[in-house]
Amino acid sequence: MESKKDNQEPDYTKITAVLLKSRTGEFDVESILFLKLKSLGICDLGCIGECINLERLDLSGNNITNLAPLASLRLLLVLNVSANRISNIEPLSSCESLQSLNVAGNLIPSTENLLCLKSLKKLESIRLKDNTYNYSNPVCKNSPYRNILLEMFPNIKVLDGERVVGRGSDLYQLCKDIDDTIKAGMYKNGQLPERPDCNPWVDDGFWEIKRSNSAIVEEAYKQFNDVLHECRLLNNRAAAVISQTERTLGGKNQPKQYAV
């Protein structure tokens, strides 16, 4: 008879070397490049700072409040800590390679709490709000927070999942010009004045999809390939079930043979 202890589920509240190795199959935590510890009830990041070569980390859906152990992850490119209980992200200022950060569904109170990220020159994507999962932060209740962030991070290309490409973006500048025109009251008889020599606001080939070294694009390609692989597996399973069913029905429909 198994003891009660043997029947208990593993305790994942604190990240340990044993947990890291068991989830990744690596013998050395320094060899871990990709790590997904989603919805495990983690509240203590423990020894995760020893994964110094980590590039992509998913800690979403846990009970994390303290990000201090992540400060040593200088090679980290993509971090997802959505749906936790984080209010202070200052330790991330040491993650100098960070390109994509998802902190939606936390407790970040104001845009001032994001000033610590200004030193991250490679940061391209910040998500504070995710309407798909109804994730947000207290800072998002301040309606101009998006404009403040775009001013604060001029190199940002994606904000809350929407491509904005900062102040230098043609699209962003076009929208800003339209807003300024409306605010200036330049309408005449309910119409805007004619503008001669109107040209397309983007260059030829602007909408063509191009490969990029950006970690955001690489992550998108990876996720797409994962979905495609799952679709192929489902297709193979469906084909096998259909084939088996056809054989079964074919056997039942065959006329009985009687010996003469």
Protein backbone atom coordinates (compact mmCIF):
# COMPACT_ATOMS: atom_id res chain seq x y z
CA MET A 1 0.00 0.00 0.00
CA GLU A 2 1.44 3.34 -1.03
CA SER A 3 2.01 5.92 1.67
CA LYS A 4 0.11 9.19 1.74
CA LYS A 5 3.35 11.03 0.95
CA ASP A 6 3.80 9.09 -2.30
CA ASN A 7 0.34 10.17 -3.46
CA GLN A 8 1.01 13.86 -2.96
CA GLU A 9 1.57 16.02 -6.04
CA PRO A 10 5.02 17.63 -6.48
CA ASP A 11 5.54 20.99 -4.78
CA TYR A 12 6.27 23.60 -7.42
CA THR A 13 5.90 26.69 -5.22
CA LYS A 14 9.67 27.26 -5.31
CA ILE A 15 11.93 26.79 -8.31
CA THR A 16 14.73 24.33 -7.54
CA ALA A 17 17.52 22.78 -9.58
CA VAL A 18 15.63 19.47 -9.50
CA LEU A 19 12.52 21.12 -10.94
CA LEU A 20 14.50 22.87 -13.67
CA LYS A 21 16.30 19.70 -14.74
CA SER A 22 13.17 17.56 -14.66
CA ARG A 23 11.20 20.04 -16.82
CA THR A 24 13.95 20.51 -19.41
CA GLY A 25 15.87 17.24 -19.42
CA GLU A 26 19.14 19.13 -19.00
CA PHE A 27 21.82 17.91 -16.60
CA ASP A 28 23.18 21.41 -16.01
CA VAL A 29 20.95 24.46 -15.39
CA GLU A 30 23.45 26.64 -17.27
CA SER A 31 22.61 24.68 -20.44
CA ILE A 32 18.94 25.66 -20.36
CA LEU A 33 18.01 28.07 -23.18
CA PHE A 34 14.19 27.79 -23.20
CA LEU A 35 12.04 27.33 -20.12
CA LYS A 36 8.26 27.12 -19.70
CA LEU A 37 6.93 27.01 -16.13
CA LYS A 38 3.37 28.11 -16.75
CA SER A 39 0.56 27.83 -14.16
CA LEU A 40 2.45 25.76 -11.60
CA GLY A 41 1.62 27.86 -8.52
CA ILE A 42 5.18 29.21 -8.29
CA CYS A 43 5.66 32.01 -5.76
CA ASP A 44 9.45 31.81 -5.22
CA LEU A 45 11.83 31.99 -8.20
CA GLY A 46 14.51 30.24 -6.15
CA CYS A 47 17.61 29.32 -8.18
CA ILE A 48 16.35 30.41 -11.61
CA GLY A 49 19.08 33.06 -11.66
CA GLU A 50 21.59 30.23 -12.18
CA CYS A 51 20.20 29.68 -15.70
CA ILE A 52 22.57 32.35 -16.99
CA ASN A 53 22.20 31.31 -20.66
CA LEU A 54 18.41 31.41 -20.64
CA GLU A 55 16.93 33.16 -23.71
CA ARG A 56 13.17 32.56 -23.45
CA LEU A 57 11.23 32.25 -20.20
CA ASP A 58 7.49 31.76 -19.58
CA LEU A 59 6.38 32.15 -15.96
CA SER A 60 2.80 33.18 -16.69
CA GLY A 61 -0.13 32.20 -14.48
CA ASN A 62 1.74 31.82 -11.18
CA ASN A 63 1.84 33.72 -7.85
CA ILE A 64 5.14 35.55 -8.31
CA THR A 65 5.71 38.89 -6.56
CA ASN A 66 9.52 39.23 -6.54
CA LEU A 67 11.56 39.29 -9.77
CA ALA A 68 14.95 39.83 -8.10
CA PRO A 69 16.36 36.39 -9.11
CA LEU A 70 15.93 37.33 -12.80
CA ALA A 71 18.50 40.15 -12.57
CA SER A 72 21.35 37.81 -13.51
CA LEU A 73 19.75 36.71 -16.80
CA ARG A 74 21.76 38.99 -19.09
CA LEU A 75 21.02 36.93 -22.23
CA LEU A 76 17.25 36.77 -21.76
CA LEU A 77 15.39 37.83 -24.93
CA VAL A 78 11.73 37.01 -24.27
CA LEU A 79 10.02 37.10 -20.86
CA ASN A 80 6.38 36.33 -20.09
CA VAL A 81 5.33 36.94 -16.48
CA SER A 82 1.67 37.70 -17.21
CA ALA A 83 -1.04 36.81 -14.67
CA ASN A 84 1.08 37.05 -11.53
CA ARG A 85 1.14 39.54 -8.61
CA ILE A 86 4.06 41.74 -9.64
CA SER A 87 4.19 45.46 -8.84
CA ASN A 88 7.95 46.08 -9.05
CA ILE A 89 9.87 45.24 -12.25
CA GLU A 90 13.10 47.07 -11.40
CA PRO A 91 15.21 43.85 -11.35
CA LEU A 92 14.57 43.53 -15.10
CA SER A 93 16.71 46.61 -15.74
CA SER A 94 19.72 44.27 -15.60
CA CYS A 95 18.37 42.03 -18.39
CA GLU A 96 20.25 44.00 -21.02
CA SER A 97 19.33 41.70 -23.95
CA LEU A 98 15.57 41.77 -23.31
CA GLN A 99 13.51 42.38 -26.45
CA SER A 100 9.99 41.29 -25.50
CA LEU A 101 8.28 41.69 -22.11
CA ASN A 102 4.75 40.57 -21.18
CA VAL A 103 3.60 41.79 -17.75
CA ALA A 104 -0.15 41.89 -18.46
CA GLY A 105 -2.38 40.85 -15.57
CA ASN A 106 -0.20 42.15 -12.75
CA LEU A 107 -0.23 45.03 -10.23
CA ILE A 108 1.95 47.68 -11.86
CA PRO A 109 0.47 50.95 -10.53
CA SER A 110 1.86 53.68 -12.81
CA THR A 111 4.07 54.51 -15.78
CA GLU A 112 6.75 55.67 -13.33
CA ASN A 113 7.27 52.04 -12.37
CA LEU A 114 8.37 51.40 -15.97
CA LEU A 115 11.12 54.03 -16.00
CA CYS A 116 13.59 51.39 -14.87
CA LEU A 117 13.30 49.77 -18.31
CA LYS A 118 14.59 52.82 -20.21
CA SER A 119 18.13 51.44 -20.07
CA LEU A 120 17.07 48.38 -22.12
CA LYS A 121 18.04 49.58 -25.60
CA LYS A 122 16.93 46.36 -27.31
CA LEU A 123 13.42 46.32 -25.87
CA GLU A 124 10.92 46.23 -28.78
CA SER A 125 7.70 44.92 -27.26
CA ILE A 126 5.88 45.66 -23.99
CA ARG A 127 2.51 44.21 -23.05
CA LEU A 128 0.65 45.62 -20.07
CA LYS A 129 -2.82 44.69 -21.29
CA ASP A 130 -4.23 41.63 -23.04
CA ASN A 131 -7.88 41.82 -24.01
CA THR A 132 -7.91 38.19 -25.15
CA TYR A 133 -7.50 36.95 -21.56
CA ASN A 134 -8.88 40.09 -19.89
CA TYR A 135 -5.47 40.82 -18.35
CA SER A 136 -4.58 44.36 -17.33
CA ASN A 137 -2.66 46.47 -14.79
CA PRO A 138 -3.76 49.41 -12.61
CA VAL A 139 -1.62 51.67 -14.83
CA CYS A 140 -3.92 50.89 -17.77
CA LYS A 141 -6.78 52.72 -16.07
CA ASN A 142 -4.92 55.92 -16.91
CA SER A 143 -6.17 56.52 -20.47
CA PRO A 144 -3.04 58.36 -21.77
CA TYR A 145 -0.67 55.64 -20.55
CA ARG A 146 -0.03 54.45 -24.12
CA ASN A 147 1.08 57.88 -25.28
CA ILE A 148 3.29 58.23 -22.22
CA LEU A 149 4.95 54.89 -22.92
CA LEU A 150 5.54 55.75 -26.59
CA GLU A 151 7.27 58.92 -25.49
CA MET A 152 9.20 57.05 -22.81
CA PHE A 153 10.32 54.25 -25.15
CA PRO A 154 10.81 55.71 -28.67
CA ASN A 155 12.24 52.39 -29.95
CA ILE A 156 9.18 50.34 -29.02
CA LYS A 157 7.62 48.56 -32.02
CA VAL A 158 4.79 46.65 -30.32
CA LEU A 159 2.65 47.88 -27.42
CA ASP A 160 -0.08 45.69 -25.91
CA GLY A 161 0.10 43.44 -28.98
CA GLU A 162 -0.43 46.32 -31.44
CA ARG A 163 2.35 47.38 -33.78
CA VAL A 164 3.18 51.05 -33.28
CA VAL A 165 6.90 51.25 -34.09
CA GLY A 166 7.42 54.34 -31.98
CA ARG A 167 7.45 58.00 -32.95
CA GLY A 168 9.36 57.40 -36.18
CA SER A 169 6.69 55.13 -37.60
CA ASP A 170 4.94 56.35 -40.75
CA LEU A 171 1.64 54.97 -39.49
CA TYR A 172 2.03 56.44 -36.05
CA GLN A 173 3.02 59.82 -37.52
CA LEU A 174 0.12 59.75 -39.97
CA CYS A 175 -2.40 59.15 -37.18
CA LYS A 176 -0.78 61.86 -35.11
CA ASP A 177 -1.00 64.31 -38.01
CA ILE A 178 -4.70 63.50 -38.50
CA ASP A 179 -5.37 64.05 -34.81
CA ASP A 180 -3.49 67.34 -34.86
CA THR A 181 -5.42 68.47 -37.94
CA ILE A 182 -8.75 67.68 -36.33
CA LYS A 183 -7.78 69.40 -33.10
CA ALA A 184 -6.64 72.48 -35.00
CA GLY A 185 -10.10 72.77 -36.54
CA MET A 186 -8.90 72.82 -40.13
CA TYR A 187 -12.23 71.65 -41.49
CA LYS A 188 -13.87 73.95 -44.06
CA ASN A 189 -17.59 73.46 -44.60
CA GLY A 190 -17.33 70.04 -42.99
CA GLN A 191 -14.49 68.94 -45.30
CA LEU A 192 -10.73 68.97 -45.12
CA PRO A 193 -9.01 71.30 -47.61
CA GLU A 194 -7.59 69.66 -50.70
CA ARG A 195 -3.98 68.67 -50.53
CA PRO A 196 -2.13 68.65 -53.87
CA ASP A 197 0.49 66.04 -54.81
CA CYS A 198 -0.88 63.35 -52.52
CA ASN A 199 1.39 60.30 -52.55
CA PRO A 200 1.25 56.94 -50.83
CA TRP A 201 2.50 57.22 -47.26
CA VAL A 202 4.47 53.95 -47.42
CA ASP A 203 7.15 52.81 -49.82
CA ASP A 204 6.69 49.97 -52.31
CA GLY A 205 7.09 46.60 -50.63
CA PHE A 206 6.20 48.01 -47.19
CA TRP A 207 3.66 45.24 -46.56
CA GLU A 208 5.91 42.38 -47.69
CA ILE A 209 6.82 39.96 -44.93
CA LYS A 210 10.56 39.91 -44.38
CA ARG A 211 12.66 37.72 -42.14
CA SER A 212 14.17 39.50 -39.18
CA ASN A 213 16.63 38.71 -36.44
CA SER A 214 14.16 40.09 -33.94
CA ALA A 215 13.35 37.70 -31.11
CA ILE A 216 9.69 38.66 -31.47
CA VAL A 217 9.56 37.45 -35.07
CA GLU A 218 11.53 34.31 -34.24
CA GLU A 219 9.10 33.52 -31.44
CA ALA A 220 6.16 33.98 -33.81
CA TYR A 221 7.75 31.61 -36.35
CA LYS A 222 8.37 29.08 -33.60
CA GLN A 223 4.77 29.24 -32.36
CA PHE A 224 3.45 28.95 -35.92
CA ASN A 225 5.60 25.89 -36.60
CA ASP A 226 4.41 24.32 -33.32
CA VAL A 227 0.77 24.85 -34.32
CA LEU A 228 1.45 23.50 -37.82
CA HIS A 229 3.08 20.41 -36.33
CA GLU A 230 0.06 19.83 -34.08
CA CYS A 231 -2.27 20.20 -37.08
CA ARG A 232 -0.30 17.59 -38.97
CA LEU A 233 -0.50 15.19 -36.04
CA LEU A 234 -4.26 15.71 -35.79
CA ASN A 235 -4.58 15.14 -39.53
CA ASN A 236 -2.67 11.87 -39.31
CA ARG A 237 -4.80 10.70 -36.37
CA ALA A 238 -8.00 11.62 -38.17
CA ALA A 239 -6.87 9.79 -41.31
CA ALA A 240 -6.08 6.69 -39.25
CA VAL A 241 -9.48 6.75 -37.52
CA ILE A 242 -11.30 7.23 -40.84
CA SER A 243 -9.36 4.41 -42.43
CA GLN A 244 -10.09 2.07 -39.51
CA THR A 245 -13.78 3.00 -39.57
CA GLU A 246 -14.00 2.38 -43.31
CA ARG A 247 -12.42 -1.05 -42.90
CA THR A 248 -14.84 -1.88 -40.09
CA LEU A 249 -17.88 -0.76 -42.03
CA GLY A 250 -16.61 -2.45 -45.16
CA GLY A 251 -16.34 -5.76 -43.31
CA LYS A 252 -19.90 -5.47 -41.98
CA ASN A 253 -21.36 -4.66 -45.38
CA GLN A 254 -19.80 -7.62 -47.20
CA PRO A 255 -22.41 -10.26 -48.21
CA LYS A 256 -22.24 -13.49 -46.34
CA GLN A 257 -20.71 -16.41 -48.27
CA TYR A 258 -22.37 -19.79 -48.06
CA ALA A 259 -20.63 -23.01 -49.01
CA VAL A 260 -22.43 -25.02 -51.67
